[in-house]
Amino acid sequence: MGSAFAGATIGEGLHVTKKFEFLFDVGAPNAYLVHKILPQFCENHNAEAIYRPILLGGVFKATGNRAPMIRYADAPAKLAYEQLEFKRFLKAHDLSAFRFNPHFPVNSLLAMRTIVGAQDTPDFAATVDAIMRAMWEDGVDLAQTDAVVAALDKARLDGNAIIAGADDAGTKANLVAQTEAAVARGVFGVPTFFVDGEMFWGKERLAQVAEALA
């Protein structure tokens, strides 16, 4: 299930001592933030990230979890603090390209099927990165087929060829299976990490992931 994501492997000449899993859905802004900092994180810790695409909507439905803006709707101070921490993370890691998507919440089903369709191909890494950038830097509505194709083409990929895989019955079944497998492992949101089978949830847990890798 899944492939090593080239953009999150360590630098040339270093020895990978550990691998860990990164479960993600491009519809989650925190997944984008993790995606952007994983290359440096992996280099710092001699580790390799294995990207596992899942469907966050399916996870929420199966677990009863909800997005923070809904979960904390009756606790405005909590929601405000979540937003403050988000801004702090952006500043700490100099993620100045981030833009909150004006179409949020975007239905990520098409985007995630596209990614799963490319999962075992040489274009997987570039496809994930292109769609992440389109969602959280360019403000694209990735629920639209033409928008996904354009985002892939912008990254010098063959958008029509890649998105064709999203409609494959096997691709659809794989996304469902990977999502169900994640729920069975205890996943209730993204980003989620696994190190030797131990689960860590949220970008704030990366320090704990580093400890587990050590």
Protein backbone atom coordinates (compact mmCIF):
# COMPACT_ATOMS: atom_id res chain seq x y z
CA MET A 1 0.00 0.00 0.00
CA GLY A 2 1.68 3.19 -1.15
CA SER A 3 5.10 4.26 -2.36
CA ALA A 4 8.07 6.17 -1.02
CA PHE A 5 7.60 9.83 -1.84
CA ALA A 6 10.76 11.10 -3.53
CA GLY A 7 10.24 14.69 -2.39
CA ALA A 8 10.39 13.62 1.25
CA THR A 9 13.45 11.43 1.18
CA ILE A 10 16.74 12.51 2.70
CA GLY A 11 19.59 14.22 0.91
CA GLU A 12 21.95 12.45 -1.44
CA GLY A 13 24.72 10.51 0.28
CA LEU A 14 22.98 10.14 3.64
CA HIS A 15 21.98 6.76 5.02
CA VAL A 16 18.29 6.15 5.71
CA THR A 17 18.00 4.46 9.06
CA LYS A 18 14.22 4.66 9.53
CA LYS A 19 11.01 4.89 7.56
CA PHE A 20 7.70 6.28 8.73
CA GLU A 21 4.24 6.63 7.25
CA PHE A 22 2.46 9.90 6.50
CA LEU A 23 -1.30 9.52 6.01
CA PHE A 24 -2.80 12.50 4.23
CA ASP A 25 -5.64 14.08 2.28
CA VAL A 26 -4.87 17.20 0.26
CA GLY A 27 -8.12 18.77 1.47
CA ALA A 28 -6.58 19.31 4.91
CA PRO A 29 -4.39 22.42 5.24
CA ASN A 30 -2.32 20.81 7.99
CA ALA A 31 -1.43 17.98 5.61
CA TYR A 32 -0.04 20.59 3.21
CA LEU A 33 2.06 22.14 5.97
CA VAL A 34 3.56 18.76 6.85
CA HIS A 35 4.17 17.98 3.20
CA LYS A 36 6.18 21.17 2.83
CA ILE A 37 8.47 20.56 5.80
CA LEU A 38 8.97 16.80 5.46
CA PRO A 39 12.03 17.00 3.18
CA GLN A 40 14.00 18.91 5.81
CA PHE A 41 12.55 16.79 8.62
CA CYS A 42 13.63 13.60 6.85
CA GLU A 43 17.10 14.95 6.20
CA ASN A 44 17.46 16.00 9.83
CA HIS A 45 16.47 12.58 11.12
CA ASN A 46 17.92 10.26 8.44
CA ALA A 47 14.43 9.03 7.68
CA GLU A 48 12.17 8.43 4.72
CA ALA A 49 8.47 9.33 4.61
CA ILE A 50 6.06 6.87 3.00
CA TYR A 51 3.02 8.76 1.72
CA ARG A 52 -0.34 7.02 2.29
CA PRO A 53 -3.29 8.74 0.56
CA ILE A 54 -6.65 8.35 2.31
CA LEU A 55 -10.02 10.12 2.08
CA LEU A 56 -10.58 12.39 5.06
CA GLY A 57 -14.33 12.56 4.47
CA GLY A 58 -14.51 8.80 4.76
CA VAL A 59 -12.45 8.87 7.95
CA PHE A 60 -14.73 11.51 9.48
CA LYS A 61 -17.83 9.52 8.55
CA ALA A 62 -16.43 6.32 10.05
CA THR A 63 -15.12 7.86 13.27
CA GLY A 64 -17.56 10.68 14.03
CA ASN A 65 -14.76 13.24 13.90
CA ARG A 66 -15.31 16.70 12.40
CA ALA A 67 -13.23 19.57 11.05
CA PRO A 68 -12.00 22.08 13.68
CA MET A 69 -14.22 24.90 12.42
CA ILE A 70 -17.24 22.68 13.11
CA ARG A 71 -15.87 20.91 16.18
CA TYR A 72 -15.04 24.18 17.93
CA ALA A 73 -17.96 26.22 16.61
CA ASP A 74 -19.31 26.59 20.16
CA ALA A 75 -15.87 27.31 21.61
CA PRO A 76 -14.65 30.44 19.78
CA ALA A 77 -11.63 30.87 22.05
CA LYS A 78 -10.45 27.35 21.17
CA LEU A 79 -10.97 27.97 17.46
CA ALA A 80 -9.09 31.27 17.69
CA TYR A 81 -6.18 29.52 19.39
CA GLU A 82 -6.10 26.82 16.70
CA GLN A 83 -5.82 29.58 14.11
CA LEU A 84 -3.07 31.29 16.10
CA GLU A 85 -1.05 28.08 16.27
CA PHE A 86 -1.53 27.64 12.53
CA LYS A 87 -0.09 31.12 11.88
CA ARG A 88 2.82 30.40 14.22
CA PHE A 89 3.64 27.25 12.27
CA LEU A 90 3.60 29.14 8.99
CA LYS A 91 5.98 31.74 10.39
CA ALA A 92 8.28 29.25 12.10
CA HIS A 93 8.80 27.32 8.86
CA ASP A 94 8.66 30.29 6.48
CA LEU A 95 5.72 28.87 4.53
CA SER A 96 4.88 32.16 2.87
CA ALA A 97 3.35 30.56 -0.23
CA PHE A 98 0.38 29.24 1.74
CA ARG A 99 -3.00 30.76 0.86
CA PHE A 100 -6.26 29.58 2.41
CA ASN A 101 -8.31 28.09 -0.41
CA PRO A 102 -11.32 30.34 -1.17
CA HIS A 103 -13.36 27.27 -2.13
CA PHE A 104 -12.78 25.56 1.23
CA PRO A 105 -14.05 23.06 2.15
CA VAL A 106 -13.22 21.52 -1.21
CA ASN A 107 -14.51 18.03 -1.97
CA SER A 108 -11.19 16.20 -2.25
CA LEU A 109 -12.58 12.95 -3.70
CA LEU A 110 -11.44 13.62 -7.28
CA ALA A 111 -8.03 14.88 -6.17
CA MET A 112 -7.41 11.88 -3.93
CA ARG A 113 -8.56 9.41 -6.59
CA THR A 114 -6.15 11.10 -8.98
CA ILE A 115 -3.33 10.68 -6.48
CA VAL A 116 -4.18 7.05 -5.78
CA GLY A 117 -4.33 6.41 -9.53
CA ALA A 118 -0.72 7.61 -9.75
CA GLN A 119 0.37 5.86 -6.56
CA ASP A 120 2.47 3.14 -8.13
CA THR A 121 3.85 5.20 -11.01
CA PRO A 122 6.94 7.41 -11.38
CA ASP A 123 4.62 10.45 -11.37
CA PHE A 124 3.28 9.86 -7.86
CA ALA A 125 5.55 12.33 -6.08
CA ALA A 126 5.06 15.08 -8.64
CA THR A 127 1.30 14.49 -8.71
CA VAL A 128 0.99 14.88 -4.94
CA ASP A 129 3.09 18.03 -4.96
CA ALA A 130 1.21 19.58 -7.88
CA ILE A 131 -2.16 19.00 -6.26
CA MET A 132 -0.97 20.22 -2.86
CA ARG A 133 0.29 23.44 -4.45
CA ALA A 134 -2.89 23.93 -6.45
CA MET A 135 -5.02 23.52 -3.33
CA TRP A 136 -3.04 25.57 -0.82
CA GLU A 137 -1.00 28.01 -2.88
CA ASP A 138 -3.07 28.69 -6.00
CA GLY A 139 -6.58 28.49 -4.52
CA VAL A 140 -7.86 26.02 -7.12
CA ASP A 141 -11.22 24.26 -6.82
CA LEU A 142 -9.96 20.71 -7.15
CA ALA A 143 -13.46 19.29 -7.22
CA GLN A 144 -13.46 20.27 -10.91
CA THR A 145 -11.88 17.94 -13.45
CA ASP A 146 -10.52 20.74 -15.64
CA ALA A 147 -8.89 22.37 -12.61
CA VAL A 148 -7.07 19.16 -11.63
CA VAL A 149 -5.87 18.65 -15.20
CA ALA A 150 -4.64 22.25 -15.36
CA ALA A 151 -2.79 21.88 -12.05
CA LEU A 152 -1.02 18.77 -13.31
CA ASP A 153 -0.21 20.35 -16.65
CA LYS A 154 1.24 23.36 -14.82
CA ALA A 155 3.67 20.97 -13.14
CA ARG A 156 4.66 19.65 -16.59
CA LEU A 157 2.81 16.41 -16.11
CA ASP A 158 0.32 14.83 -18.51
CA GLY A 159 -2.83 15.94 -16.73
CA ASN A 160 -5.31 14.11 -18.96
CA ALA A 161 -3.39 10.85 -18.72
CA ILE A 162 -3.00 11.03 -14.95
CA ILE A 163 -6.58 12.01 -14.18
CA ALA A 164 -7.84 9.16 -16.35
CA GLY A 165 -6.70 6.84 -13.59
CA ALA A 166 -9.07 8.52 -11.16
CA ASP A 167 -12.05 6.93 -12.90
CA ASP A 168 -10.62 3.43 -12.81
CA ALA A 169 -12.64 0.99 -10.70
CA GLY A 170 -9.46 -0.33 -9.11
CA THR A 171 -8.37 3.17 -8.13
CA LYS A 172 -11.71 3.87 -6.49
CA ALA A 173 -11.58 0.57 -4.63
CA ASN A 174 -8.00 1.22 -3.50
CA LEU A 175 -8.88 4.62 -2.02
CA VAL A 176 -11.78 3.06 -0.11
CA ALA A 177 -9.60 0.16 1.07
CA GLN A 178 -6.77 2.44 2.19
CA THR A 179 -9.19 4.66 4.06
CA GLU A 180 -10.85 1.72 5.78
CA ALA A 181 -7.45 0.27 6.67
CA ALA A 182 -6.46 3.60 8.22
CA VAL A 183 -9.62 3.71 10.33
CA ALA A 184 -8.96 0.14 11.46
CA ARG A 185 -5.54 1.30 12.69
CA GLY A 186 -7.12 4.02 14.79
CA VAL A 187 -6.84 6.98 12.40
CA PHE A 188 -9.43 9.71 12.95
CA GLY A 189 -7.89 12.63 11.07
CA VAL A 190 -4.88 13.89 9.13
CA PRO A 191 -2.01 14.37 9.19
CA THR A 192 -1.32 11.06 10.92
CA PHE A 193 2.04 9.34 11.21
CA PHE A 194 3.07 5.79 12.04
CA VAL A 195 6.52 4.81 13.29
CA ASP A 196 6.94 1.06 13.73
CA GLY A 197 3.17 0.75 14.06
CA GLU A 198 2.85 3.49 16.69
CA MET A 199 0.43 6.28 15.74
CA PHE A 200 0.98 10.03 16.08
CA TRP A 201 -1.66 12.57 15.04
CA GLY A 202 -1.20 16.18 14.03
CA LYS A 203 1.67 18.34 12.85
CA GLU A 204 2.30 19.23 16.49
CA ARG A 205 3.42 15.63 17.08
CA LEU A 206 6.39 15.78 14.73
CA ALA A 207 8.74 16.16 17.70
CA GLN A 208 7.35 12.88 19.04
CA VAL A 209 7.78 11.30 15.60
CA ALA A 210 11.42 12.41 15.71
CA GLU A 211 11.86 10.82 19.13
CA ALA A 212 10.32 7.58 17.91
CA LEU A 213 12.64 7.57 14.90
CA ALA A 214 15.62 8.08 17.17
